[in-house]
Amino acid sequence: AALKAFSLGKSLSTGTSKSFFVQQKNKIKK
């Protein structure tokens, strides 16, 4: 779990998680 959180923070700084959250939001909307 710690490794996942670490990679999540890494992607946060790169901005990949941003697009990931956007995809999740679109999924929830649908």
PDB file of N, CA and C in Angstrom:
ATOM      1  N   ALA A   1       0.849  -1.205   0.000  1.00  0.00           N
ATOM      2  CA  ALA A   1       0.000   0.000   0.000  1.00  0.00           C
ATOM      3  C   ALA A   1       0.877   1.244   0.000  1.00  0.00           C
ATOM      4  N   ALA A   2       1.949   1.196   0.782  1.00  0.00           N
ATOM      5  CA  ALA A   2       2.854   2.357   0.857  1.00  0.00           C
ATOM      6  C   ALA A   2       3.447   2.634  -0.523  1.00  0.00           C
ATOM      7  N   LEU A   3       3.821   1.555  -1.213  1.00  0.00           N
ATOM      8  CA  LEU A   3       4.423   1.732  -2.548  1.00  0.00           C
ATOM      9  C   LEU A   3       3.407   2.388  -3.487  1.00  0.00           C
ATOM     10  N   LYS A   4       2.148   1.975  -3.363  1.00  0.00           N
ATOM     11  CA  LYS A   4       1.104   2.544  -4.219  1.00  0.00           C
ATOM     12  C   LYS A   4       0.974   4.040  -3.952  1.00  0.00           C
ATOM     13  N   ALA A   5       0.935   4.401  -2.667  1.00  0.00           N
ATOM     14  CA  ALA A   5       0.793   5.817  -2.307  1.00  0.00           C
ATOM     15  C   ALA A   5       1.985   6.593  -2.831  1.00  0.00           C
ATOM     16  N   PHE A   6       3.176   5.978  -2.772  1.00  0.00           N
ATOM     17  CA  PHE A   6       4.392   6.660  -3.245  1.00  0.00           C
ATOM     18  C   PHE A   6       4.302   6.911  -4.737  1.00  0.00           C
ATOM     19  N   SER A   7       3.911   5.894  -5.486  1.00  0.00           N
ATOM     20  CA  SER A   7       3.788   6.047  -6.943  1.00  0.00           C
ATOM     21  C   SER A   7       2.678   7.045  -7.266  1.00  0.00           C
ATOM     22  N   LEU A   8       1.661   7.079  -6.417  1.00  0.00           N
ATOM     23  CA  LEU A   8       0.560   8.020  -6.636  1.00  0.00           C
ATOM     24  C   LEU A   8       1.093   9.443  -6.510  1.00  0.00           C
ATOM     25  N   GLY A   9       1.888   9.697  -5.469  1.00  0.00           N
ATOM     26  CA  GLY A   9       2.471  11.023  -5.271  1.00  0.00           C
ATOM     27  C   GLY A   9       3.397  11.366  -6.424  1.00  0.00           C
ATOM     28  N   LYS A  10       4.108  10.345  -6.916  1.00  0.00           N
ATOM     29  CA  LYS A  10       5.022  10.575  -8.052  1.00  0.00           C
ATOM     30  C   LYS A  10       4.234  11.025  -9.275  1.00  0.00           C
ATOM     31  N   SER A  11       3.165  10.314  -9.575  1.00  0.00           N
ATOM     32  CA  SER A  11       2.344  10.666 -10.736  1.00  0.00           C
ATOM     33  C   SER A  11       1.675  12.020 -10.518  1.00  0.00           C
ATOM     34  N   LEU A  12       1.422  12.348  -9.254  1.00  0.00           N
ATOM     35  CA  LEU A  12       0.790  13.639  -8.958  1.00  0.00           C
ATOM     36  C   LEU A  12       1.704  14.764  -9.414  1.00  0.00           C
ATOM     37  N   SER A  13       2.997  14.611  -9.126  1.00  0.00           N
ATOM     38  CA  SER A  13       3.955  15.660  -9.490  1.00  0.00           C
ATOM     39  C   SER A  13       4.131  15.715 -11.004  1.00  0.00           C
ATOM     40  N   THR A  14       3.970  14.563 -11.667  1.00  0.00           N
ATOM     41  CA  THR A  14       4.148  14.537 -13.119  1.00  0.00           C
ATOM     42  C   THR A  14       2.879  15.012 -13.809  1.00  0.00           C
ATOM     43  N   GLY A  15       1.732  14.814 -13.157  1.00  0.00           N
ATOM     44  CA  GLY A  15       0.475  15.275 -13.725  1.00  0.00           C
ATOM     45  C   GLY A  15      -0.313  14.146 -14.374  1.00  0.00           C
ATOM     46  N   THR A  16       0.203  12.929 -14.295  1.00  0.00           N
ATOM     47  CA  THR A  16      -0.524  11.812 -14.922  1.00  0.00           C
ATOM     48  C   THR A  16      -1.757  11.483 -14.097  1.00  0.00           C
ATOM     49  N   SER A  17      -1.644  11.616 -12.788  1.00  0.00           N
ATOM     50  CA  SER A  17      -2.786  11.300 -11.923  1.00  0.00           C
ATOM     51  C   SER A  17      -3.920  12.280 -12.192  1.00  0.00           C
ATOM     52  N   LYS A  18      -3.552  13.489 -12.633  1.00  0.00           N
ATOM     53  CA  LYS A  18      -4.576  14.500 -12.927  1.00  0.00           C
ATOM     54  C   LYS A  18      -5.508  13.967 -14.020  1.00  0.00           C
ATOM     55  N   SER A  19      -4.924  13.463 -15.093  1.00  0.00           N
ATOM     56  CA  SER A  19      -5.743  12.928 -16.183  1.00  0.00           C
ATOM     57  C   SER A  19      -6.501  11.697 -15.691  1.00  0.00           C
ATOM     58  N   PHE A  20      -5.872  10.959 -14.761  1.00  0.00           N
ATOM     59  CA  PHE A  20      -6.534   9.762 -14.225  1.00  0.00           C
ATOM     60  C   PHE A  20      -7.791  10.164 -13.462  1.00  0.00           C
ATOM     61  N   PHE A  21      -7.678  11.210 -12.640  1.00  0.00           N
ATOM     62  CA  PHE A  21      -8.845  11.669 -11.879  1.00  0.00           C
ATOM     63  C   PHE A  21      -9.929  12.165 -12.826  1.00  0.00           C
ATOM     64  N   VAL A  22      -9.503  12.806 -13.903  1.00  0.00           N
ATOM     65  CA  VAL A  22     -10.472  13.319 -14.879  1.00  0.00           C
ATOM     66  C   VAL A  22     -11.235  12.154 -15.489  1.00  0.00           C
ATOM     67  N   GLN A  23     -10.515  11.072 -15.790  1.00  0.00           N
ATOM     68  CA  GLN A  23     -11.178   9.903 -16.373  1.00  0.00           C
ATOM     69  C   GLN A  23     -12.176   9.330 -15.372  1.00  0.00           C
ATOM     70  N   GLN A  24     -11.782   9.271 -14.105  1.00  0.00           N
ATOM     71  CA  GLN A  24     -12.668   8.733 -13.079  1.00  0.00           C
ATOM     72  C   GLN A  24     -13.910   9.604 -12.967  1.00  0.00           C
ATOM     73  N   LYS A  25     -13.720  10.925 -13.011  1.00  0.00           N
ATOM     74  CA  LYS A  25     -14.857  11.851 -12.912  1.00  0.00           C
ATOM     75  C   LYS A  25     -15.816  11.605 -14.065  1.00  0.00           C
ATOM     76  N   ASN A  26     -15.269  11.441 -15.275  1.00  0.00           N
ATOM     77  CA  ASN A  26     -16.126  11.207 -16.445  1.00  0.00           C
ATOM     78  C   ASN A  26     -16.895   9.901 -16.278  1.00  0.00           C
ATOM     79  N   LYS A  27     -16.228   8.897 -15.707  1.00  0.00           N
ATOM     80  CA  LYS A  27     -16.882   7.602 -15.517  1.00  0.00           C
ATOM     81  C   LYS A  27     -18.046   7.755 -14.544  1.00  0.00           C
ATOM     82  N   ILE A  28     -17.820   8.503 -13.476  1.00  0.00           N
ATOM     83  CA  ILE A  28     -18.865   8.691 -12.466  1.00  0.00           C
ATOM     84  C   ILE A  28     -20.035   9.466 -13.071  1.00  0.00           C
ATOM     85  N   LYS A  29     -19.701  10.450 -13.887  1.00  0.00           N
ATOM     86  CA  LYS A  29     -20.757  11.251 -14.522  1.00  0.00           C
ATOM     87  C   LYS A  29     -21.653  10.350 -15.351  1.00  0.00           C
ATOM     88  N   LYS A  30     -21.026   9.451 -16.126  1.00  0.00           N
ATOM     89  CA  LYS A  30     -21.815   8.533 -16.954  1.00  0.00           C
ATOM     90  C   LYS A  30     -22.512   7.521 -16.052  1.00  0.00           C
TER      91      LYS A  30
END
